[in-house]
Protein backbone atom coordinates (compact mmCIF):
# COMPACT_ATOMS: atom_id res chain seq x y z
CA MET A 1 -0.14 0.10 -0.21
CA PRO A 2 1.26 3.38 -0.83
CA ARG A 3 2.46 5.59 2.03
CA VAL A 4 0.26 8.60 2.57
CA LYS A 5 1.02 11.84 1.24
CA VAL A 6 2.27 14.47 3.59
CA ASP A 7 4.02 17.60 2.89
CA ALA A 8 6.95 18.71 5.08
CA ASN A 9 5.12 20.75 7.72
CA LEU A 10 2.57 17.99 7.95
CA LYS A 11 0.17 20.48 7.03
CA LYS A 12 -1.44 18.58 4.18
CA VAL A 13 -2.38 15.00 4.61
CA GLN A 14 -4.12 13.04 1.44
CA PHE A 15 -5.52 9.76 2.09
CA THR A 16 -6.15 7.43 -0.93
CA ALA A 17 -8.80 5.72 -1.87
CA ARG A 18 -7.19 2.22 -0.80
CA GLU A 19 -6.21 3.80 2.66
CA ARG A 20 -10.15 4.38 3.18
CA GLU A 21 -11.18 0.92 1.82
CA PHE A 22 -8.46 -0.28 4.32
CA VAL A 23 -10.19 1.52 7.17
CA TYR A 24 -13.67 0.54 5.80
CA GLY A 25 -12.32 -3.23 5.81
CA VAL A 26 -11.21 -3.15 9.40
CA ALA A 27 -14.47 -1.37 10.63
CA LEU A 28 -16.65 -4.11 9.04
CA LYS A 29 -14.67 -6.88 10.06
CA TYR A 30 -15.18 -5.81 14.01
CA LEU A 31 -18.76 -4.44 13.16
CA LYS A 32 -20.46 -6.68 11.06
CA ASP A 33 -22.73 -3.83 10.02
CA GLU A 34 -22.26 -1.99 6.75
CA GLU A 35 -23.70 1.42 7.88
CA ASP A 36 -21.91 1.09 11.43
CA ALA A 37 -18.78 0.49 9.53
CA HIS A 38 -19.03 3.69 7.86
CA ASP A 39 -19.34 5.84 10.56
CA VAL A 40 -16.31 4.43 12.30
CA THR A 41 -14.41 4.66 8.93
CA GLN A 42 -15.42 8.38 8.92
CA GLU A 43 -14.26 8.65 12.37
CA ALA A 44 -11.34 6.83 11.90
CA MET A 45 -10.04 8.84 9.08
CA LEU A 46 -10.40 12.02 11.12
CA LEU A 47 -8.98 10.52 13.76
CA ALA A 48 -6.01 9.34 11.65
CA TYR A 49 -5.73 13.34 10.32
CA ARG A 50 -6.00 14.92 13.83
CA HIS A 51 -3.55 12.87 14.78
CA ARG A 52 -1.17 12.72 11.79
CA GLU A 53 1.78 14.08 13.61
CA LYS A 54 2.11 10.82 16.34
CA PHE A 55 3.37 8.71 13.54
CA ARG A 56 6.53 8.53 13.94
CA GLY A 57 7.36 6.06 11.27
CA ASP A 58 8.59 3.00 13.53
CA SER A 59 6.12 0.87 12.01
CA ARG A 60 4.09 0.79 8.52
CA PHE A 61 1.63 3.43 7.76
CA THR A 62 -1.50 0.92 7.55
CA THR A 63 -0.03 -0.86 11.02
CA TRP A 64 -0.50 2.73 12.62
CA LEU A 65 -4.10 3.12 10.32
CA TYR A 66 -4.92 0.00 11.63
CA ARG A 67 -4.97 0.30 15.25
CA ILE A 68 -6.77 3.65 14.93
CA ALA A 69 -9.44 1.68 13.07
CA ALA A 70 -9.83 -1.67 15.17
CA THR A 71 -9.50 0.94 18.35
CA THR A 72 -12.39 3.27 16.65
CA ALA A 73 -14.48 0.39 16.08
CA LEU A 74 -14.21 -1.14 19.51
CA MET A 75 -15.30 1.77 21.12
CA HIS A 76 -18.07 2.20 18.50
CA LEU A 77 -19.14 -1.20 19.63
CA ARG A 78 -18.73 -0.21 23.45
CA LYS A 79 -20.90 2.49 23.19
CA GLN A 80 -23.66 0.48 21.28
CA ARG A 81 -23.36 -1.87 24.43
CA ARG A 82 -23.74 0.74 27.20
CA ARG A 83 -26.90 2.03 25.63
CA PRO A 84 -30.14 0.39 26.50
CA PRO A 85 -32.35 -0.64 24.06
CA ALA A 86 -35.15 1.94 23.20
CA VAL A 87 -38.76 0.83 24.77
CA GLN A 88 -41.06 0.67 21.97
CA THR A 89 -44.54 2.60 22.43
CA PRO A 90 -47.65 1.35 20.18
CA PHE A 91 -48.38 2.78 16.94
CA ASP A 92 -50.97 5.19 17.25
CA GLY A 93 -51.73 6.46 13.90
CA ASP A 94 -55.02 7.03 12.51
CA ASP A 95 -56.22 4.92 9.73
CA GLN A 96 -52.66 4.07 8.30
CA THR A 97 -51.29 0.47 7.95
CA TYR A 98 -48.04 -0.21 10.38
CA GLU A 99 -45.34 -2.32 8.45
CA PRO A 100 -42.73 -2.91 11.16
CA ALA A 101 -39.65 -2.69 9.96
CA ALA A 102 -37.37 -5.87 10.03
CA GLY A 103 -35.38 -6.26 13.39
CA THR A 104 -38.08 -4.67 15.22
CA PRO A 105 -39.92 -6.34 18.12
CA SER A 106 -43.29 -7.82 17.86
CA PRO A 107 -46.11 -6.49 19.46
CA GLU A 108 -45.98 -9.59 22.69
CA GLU A 109 -42.15 -8.43 23.02
CA GLN A 110 -43.22 -4.52 22.89
CA SER A 111 -45.96 -5.23 25.84
CA ALA A 112 -43.57 -6.98 27.74
CA SER A 113 -40.91 -4.54 27.15
CA VAL A 114 -43.59 -1.86 28.53
CA GLN A 115 -44.64 -4.18 31.49
CA THR A 116 -40.93 -4.45 32.67
CA PHE A 117 -40.29 -0.61 32.16
CA ALA A 118 -43.50 -0.36 34.65
CA SER A 119 -42.03 -2.78 36.94
CA CYS A 120 -39.01 -0.67 36.95
CA GLU A 121 -40.51 2.29 37.89
CA ARG A 122 -42.38 1.03 40.48
CA SER A 123 -39.37 -0.63 41.85
CA LEU A 124 -37.53 3.12 41.97
CA GLY A 125 -40.47 4.48 43.43
CA LYS A 126 -39.98 2.40 46.45
CA MET A 127 -35.84 3.13 46.59
CA GLY A 128 -36.96 7.33 46.69
CA GLU A 129 -35.67 9.57 44.28
CA LYS A 130 -31.75 9.48 44.80
CA TYR A 131 -31.47 6.49 43.69
CA GLY A 132 -34.86 6.67 40.92
CA SER A 133 -32.90 9.40 39.29
CA ILE A 134 -29.44 7.99 39.02
CA PHE A 135 -31.14 4.85 38.00
CA ARG A 136 -33.37 6.72 35.10
CA MET A 137 -30.15 8.98 33.64
CA ARG A 138 -27.65 6.06 33.68
CA PHE A 139 -30.07 2.98 32.35
CA VAL A 140 -32.70 4.88 30.26
CA GLU A 141 -31.32 7.73 29.32
CA GLY A 142 -27.78 6.59 28.75
CA TYR A 143 -25.60 8.96 30.48
CA THR A 144 -21.97 8.23 31.94
CA GLU A 145 -21.41 8.37 35.30
CA GLU A 146 -19.26 11.09 34.76
CA GLU A 147 -22.15 13.18 33.05
CA ILE A 148 -24.60 12.32 35.93
CA ALA A 149 -21.89 13.44 38.40
CA GLU A 150 -21.64 16.52 37.12
CA ARG A 151 -25.33 17.04 36.43
CA LEU A 152 -26.03 16.31 40.02
CA GLY A 153 -23.01 17.59 41.65
CA LEU A 154 -22.04 14.31 43.10
CA ASN A 155 -18.72 12.58 43.50
CA VAL A 156 -18.64 10.15 40.00
CA ALA A 157 -17.91 7.23 43.34
CA THR A 158 -21.53 7.91 44.48
CA VAL A 159 -22.92 7.63 41.29
CA LYS A 160 -21.52 4.52 40.50
CA THR A 161 -22.53 2.91 43.92
CA ARG A 162 -26.15 4.48 43.54
CA ALA A 163 -26.56 2.87 40.22
CA TYR A 164 -25.09 -0.23 41.24
CA ARG A 165 -27.70 -0.30 44.20
CA ALA A 166 -30.40 0.66 41.79
CA ARG A 167 -29.61 -2.03 39.44
CA THR A 168 -29.29 -4.43 42.20
CA TYR A 169 -32.70 -3.57 43.85
CA VAL A 170 -34.69 -3.36 40.39
CA ARG A 171 -33.01 -6.88 39.17
CA ARG A 172 -33.96 -8.24 42.33
CA GLN A 173 -37.26 -6.75 42.25
CA LEU A 174 -37.96 -8.00 38.27
CA GLU A 175 -36.79 -11.53 39.66
CA HIS A 176 -39.42 -11.69 42.60
CA GLU A 177 -42.13 -10.63 40.37
CA ARG A 178 -41.57 -13.37 37.75
CA ALA A 179 -41.28 -15.66 40.12
CA ALA A 180 -44.64 -14.94 41.69
C-alpha cells in the first residue's frame, strides 16, 4: 500500500482511496454492519488526520492506521453496549397501516418491554428519588457516570455506587415478580 502523502510541515495530508477502503475493511470486520462501518471509517479517518503528527514512522503506515480503525470500532461497540435498548411504544396512527421494520420487536415483545419498564418504575419509586434519578439517567437515558455526577453535583464514586444499588434492587424486584 502506498505511503500517505504528507508535506514537510504536516499540514496537508491526503489519504488515498485504498487507505479509506482498508479502514472500512477493518471496521466492517469488527462491526459486521455496513452502515456502522461507514460511520466508524469516517471517524477513524478524522482521528488519523488529527493525530497525523504522532505517526513516527517506526512501523508501516497501515499498521498505525489499522490500530486507529480497530480502536475506533471497538469504542463504537462499547458505546452501543452501554446504551439500553429503546422502549417501543405502540403505534398510534389513524387509519394508516403499520408495517414494522425488520428487526423490530413484535407486539408481544413490546408489551413485555412496557410491562418491564413499569415494574422498574414501581421498584424505583420504592427506593427513593436519589436512586431513581440516577438509575433513569444511567440506564434509561444513557448518560455516563461522569455526566451524571456533573449534572447532580455528586462524586463519580457516589454515582457508581447508587447506580449499582439501584440496578441490583430493580433486578431483585423483577426476579421476585417473575417468580410470583
